[in-house]
Amino acid sequence: MKKYWFVYSLYWQEGLSRRASFFMERFRSLVVLLSFYYLWSALLAHRTSFAGYDRSQMITYVLGMNILRSLVFAGKK
């Protein structure tokens, strides 16, 4: 019975590890998105444009690149 408990314990630990990895990846993506948003908001706070981009263009770029990044790296393990 002890070996079955050990196998079950390993299975449980692997499942929790995968779930934790999934949630940490989502949290990391959210932190990156928010940091880029606040970075560009701070750079464009007292200006109308930065490097030829206005605020709405830069926020659209940041969101678009994060969506593209999530699609490209979706299969990464």
N, C-alpha and C. Protein backbone atom coordinates (compact mmCIF):
# COMPACT_ATOMS: atom_id res chain seq x y z
N MET A 1 0.82 -1.19 0.00
CA MET A 1 0.00 0.00 0.00
C MET A 1 0.87 1.26 0.00
N LYS A 2 2.04 1.12 0.60
CA LYS A 2 2.94 2.27 0.70
C LYS A 2 3.39 2.76 -0.67
N LYS A 3 3.65 1.84 -1.60
CA LYS A 3 4.09 2.24 -2.93
C LYS A 3 2.97 2.94 -3.69
N TYR A 4 1.72 2.55 -3.49
CA TYR A 4 0.61 3.23 -4.15
C TYR A 4 0.46 4.65 -3.63
N TRP A 5 0.64 4.80 -2.34
CA TRP A 5 0.58 6.13 -1.74
C TRP A 5 1.69 7.02 -2.29
N PHE A 6 2.87 6.44 -2.47
CA PHE A 6 4.00 7.19 -3.01
C PHE A 6 3.72 7.62 -4.45
N VAL A 7 3.18 6.74 -5.27
CA VAL A 7 2.86 7.08 -6.67
C VAL A 7 1.78 8.15 -6.70
N TYR A 8 0.77 8.02 -5.87
CA TYR A 8 -0.29 9.02 -5.80
C TYR A 8 0.28 10.37 -5.37
N SER A 9 1.19 10.35 -4.43
CA SER A 9 1.82 11.59 -3.95
C SER A 9 2.60 12.26 -5.08
N LEU A 10 3.35 11.49 -5.84
CA LEU A 10 4.09 12.05 -6.97
C LEU A 10 3.14 12.63 -8.02
N TYR A 11 2.06 11.93 -8.32
CA TYR A 11 1.07 12.41 -9.28
C TYR A 11 0.46 13.73 -8.80
N TRP A 12 0.13 13.80 -7.54
CA TRP A 12 -0.46 15.01 -6.96
C TRP A 12 0.53 16.19 -7.03
N GLN A 13 1.78 15.94 -6.70
CA GLN A 13 2.80 16.99 -6.75
C GLN A 13 3.01 17.50 -8.17
N GLU A 14 3.01 16.61 -9.15
CA GLU A 14 3.18 17.03 -10.54
C GLU A 14 1.99 17.87 -11.00
N GLY A 15 0.80 17.49 -10.62
CA GLY A 15 -0.39 18.26 -10.97
C GLY A 15 -0.36 19.65 -10.36
N LEU A 16 0.02 19.74 -9.11
CA LEU A 16 0.13 21.05 -8.46
C LEU A 16 1.22 21.90 -9.08
N SER A 17 2.31 21.26 -9.48
CA SER A 17 3.40 21.98 -10.12
C SER A 17 2.95 22.57 -11.45
N ARG A 18 2.21 21.81 -12.23
CA ARG A 18 1.71 22.32 -13.52
C ARG A 18 0.73 23.47 -13.32
N ARG A 19 -0.13 23.36 -12.34
CA ARG A 19 -1.09 24.43 -12.08
C ARG A 19 -0.38 25.69 -11.61
N ALA A 20 0.57 25.51 -10.73
CA ALA A 20 1.32 26.68 -10.24
C ALA A 20 2.09 27.34 -11.38
N SER A 21 2.67 26.54 -12.25
CA SER A 21 3.39 27.09 -13.39
C SER A 21 2.45 27.87 -14.30
N PHE A 22 1.26 27.36 -14.55
CA PHE A 22 0.27 28.04 -15.37
C PHE A 22 -0.10 29.39 -14.78
N PHE A 23 -0.41 29.41 -13.49
CA PHE A 23 -0.82 30.66 -12.85
C PHE A 23 0.33 31.65 -12.74
N MET A 24 1.53 31.18 -12.52
CA MET A 24 2.68 32.09 -12.45
C MET A 24 2.97 32.69 -13.82
N GLU A 25 2.78 31.92 -14.89
CA GLU A 25 2.98 32.46 -16.23
C GLU A 25 1.94 33.53 -16.53
N ARG A 26 0.71 33.32 -16.13
CA ARG A 26 -0.33 34.34 -16.33
C ARG A 26 -0.03 35.59 -15.50
N PHE A 27 0.43 35.41 -14.29
CA PHE A 27 0.78 36.54 -13.43
C PHE A 27 1.94 37.32 -14.03
N ARG A 28 2.95 36.61 -14.55
CA ARG A 28 4.09 37.27 -15.16
C ARG A 28 3.66 38.08 -16.39
N SER A 29 2.79 37.51 -17.19
CA SER A 29 2.29 38.23 -18.36
C SER A 29 1.55 39.50 -17.97
N LEU A 30 0.77 39.42 -16.91
CA LEU A 30 0.05 40.59 -16.43
C LEU A 30 1.01 41.66 -15.92
N VAL A 31 2.04 41.26 -15.20
CA VAL A 31 3.02 42.21 -14.68
C VAL A 31 3.77 42.89 -15.83
N VAL A 32 4.14 42.14 -16.85
CA VAL A 32 4.83 42.72 -18.01
C VAL A 32 3.92 43.72 -18.70
N LEU A 33 2.68 43.35 -18.90
CA LEU A 33 1.74 44.25 -19.56
C LEU A 33 1.53 45.54 -18.77
N LEU A 34 1.35 45.42 -17.48
CA LEU A 34 1.17 46.61 -16.65
C LEU A 34 2.42 47.46 -16.58
N SER A 35 3.58 46.84 -16.55
CA SER A 35 4.81 47.63 -16.49
C SER A 35 5.03 48.41 -17.78
N PHE A 36 4.76 47.78 -18.92
CA PHE A 36 4.86 48.52 -20.19
C PHE A 36 3.84 49.65 -20.25
N TYR A 37 2.64 49.40 -19.79
CA TYR A 37 1.61 50.43 -19.81
C TYR A 37 2.04 51.64 -18.97
N TYR A 38 2.51 51.38 -17.76
CA TYR A 38 2.91 52.49 -16.89
C TYR A 38 4.20 53.17 -17.37
N LEU A 39 5.09 52.41 -17.98
CA LEU A 39 6.29 53.01 -18.55
C LEU A 39 5.92 54.01 -19.64
N TRP A 40 5.09 53.59 -20.59
CA TRP A 40 4.73 54.49 -21.67
C TRP A 40 3.81 55.61 -21.21
N SER A 41 2.99 55.34 -20.22
CA SER A 41 2.16 56.42 -19.66
C SER A 41 3.03 57.48 -19.00
N ALA A 42 4.09 57.05 -18.32
CA ALA A 42 4.99 58.01 -17.68
C ALA A 42 5.79 58.79 -18.72
N LEU A 43 6.24 58.11 -19.77
CA LEU A 43 7.00 58.80 -20.81
C LEU A 43 6.14 59.81 -21.58
N LEU A 44 4.87 59.52 -21.72
CA LEU A 44 3.98 60.39 -22.49
C LEU A 44 3.09 61.25 -21.60
N ALA A 45 3.41 61.36 -20.33
CA ALA A 45 2.56 62.12 -19.41
C ALA A 45 2.54 63.61 -19.75
N HIS A 46 3.68 64.18 -20.07
CA HIS A 46 3.76 65.62 -20.32
C HIS A 46 4.08 65.94 -21.78
N ARG A 47 3.98 64.96 -22.64
CA ARG A 47 4.26 65.15 -24.06
C ARG A 47 3.05 64.69 -24.87
N THR A 48 2.98 65.15 -26.08
CA THR A 48 1.92 64.65 -26.96
C THR A 48 2.38 63.43 -27.74
N SER A 49 3.71 63.29 -27.94
CA SER A 49 4.22 62.12 -28.65
C SER A 49 5.63 61.80 -28.17
N PHE A 50 6.06 60.59 -28.46
CA PHE A 50 7.39 60.13 -28.11
C PHE A 50 7.86 59.26 -29.27
N ALA A 51 8.98 59.65 -29.88
CA ALA A 51 9.56 58.94 -31.03
C ALA A 51 8.55 58.79 -32.16
N GLY A 52 7.69 59.78 -32.32
CA GLY A 52 6.73 59.77 -33.42
C GLY A 52 5.42 59.06 -33.13
N TYR A 53 5.26 58.54 -31.91
CA TYR A 53 4.03 57.82 -31.54
C TYR A 53 3.29 58.60 -30.47
N ASP A 54 1.98 58.70 -30.62
CA ASP A 54 1.19 59.31 -29.55
C ASP A 54 0.78 58.20 -28.57
N ARG A 55 0.09 58.59 -27.52
CA ARG A 55 -0.23 57.66 -26.44
C ARG A 55 -1.09 56.48 -26.93
N SER A 56 -2.12 56.74 -27.69
CA SER A 56 -3.00 55.65 -28.12
C SER A 56 -2.28 54.68 -29.06
N GLN A 57 -1.41 55.19 -29.91
CA GLN A 57 -0.66 54.32 -30.79
C GLN A 57 0.30 53.42 -30.01
N MET A 58 0.95 53.98 -29.02
CA MET A 58 1.91 53.20 -28.24
C MET A 58 1.19 52.15 -27.38
N ILE A 59 0.07 52.50 -26.77
CA ILE A 59 -0.67 51.53 -25.97
C ILE A 59 -1.20 50.41 -26.88
N THR A 60 -1.67 50.76 -28.07
CA THR A 60 -2.12 49.74 -29.03
C THR A 60 -0.96 48.83 -29.43
N TYR A 61 0.21 49.41 -29.64
CA TYR A 61 1.40 48.62 -29.98
C TYR A 61 1.75 47.65 -28.85
N VAL A 62 1.75 48.14 -27.62
CA VAL A 62 2.11 47.29 -26.48
C VAL A 62 1.11 46.15 -26.33
N LEU A 63 -0.17 46.45 -26.43
CA LEU A 63 -1.18 45.39 -26.33
C LEU A 63 -1.06 44.39 -27.48
N GLY A 64 -0.87 44.91 -28.69
CA GLY A 64 -0.72 44.03 -29.84
C GLY A 64 0.48 43.13 -29.74
N MET A 65 1.60 43.65 -29.28
CA MET A 65 2.80 42.84 -29.15
C MET A 65 2.65 41.78 -28.05
N ASN A 66 1.94 42.08 -27.00
CA ASN A 66 1.70 41.08 -25.96
C ASN A 66 0.78 39.97 -26.45
N ILE A 67 -0.22 40.32 -27.25
CA ILE A 67 -1.09 39.30 -27.83
C ILE A 67 -0.29 38.43 -28.79
N LEU A 68 0.52 39.05 -29.62
CA LEU A 68 1.35 38.29 -30.55
C LEU A 68 2.34 37.40 -29.81
N ARG A 69 2.93 37.92 -28.75
CA ARG A 69 3.87 37.12 -27.95
C ARG A 69 3.19 35.91 -27.34
N SER A 70 1.96 36.10 -26.86
CA SER A 70 1.25 34.97 -26.25
C SER A 70 0.89 33.92 -27.29
N LEU A 71 0.64 34.34 -28.53
CA LEU A 71 0.35 33.37 -29.59
C LEU A 71 1.60 32.64 -30.05
N VAL A 72 2.71 33.34 -30.16
CA VAL A 72 3.94 32.73 -30.61
C VAL A 72 4.50 31.75 -29.57
N PHE A 73 4.45 32.12 -28.32
CA PHE A 73 5.00 31.28 -27.27
C PHE A 73 3.96 30.40 -26.60
N ALA A 74 2.82 30.18 -27.24
CA ALA A 74 1.75 29.37 -26.63
C ALA A 74 2.17 27.91 -26.46
N GLY A 75 2.98 27.41 -27.36
CA GLY A 75 3.38 26.01 -27.30
C GLY A 75 4.61 25.76 -26.47
N LYS A 76 5.18 26.80 -25.87
CA LYS A 76 6.41 26.66 -25.09
C LYS A 76 6.14 25.87 -23.82
N LYS A 77 6.99 24.92 -23.52
CA LYS A 77 6.83 24.13 -22.29
C LYS A 77 7.95 24.39 -21.34
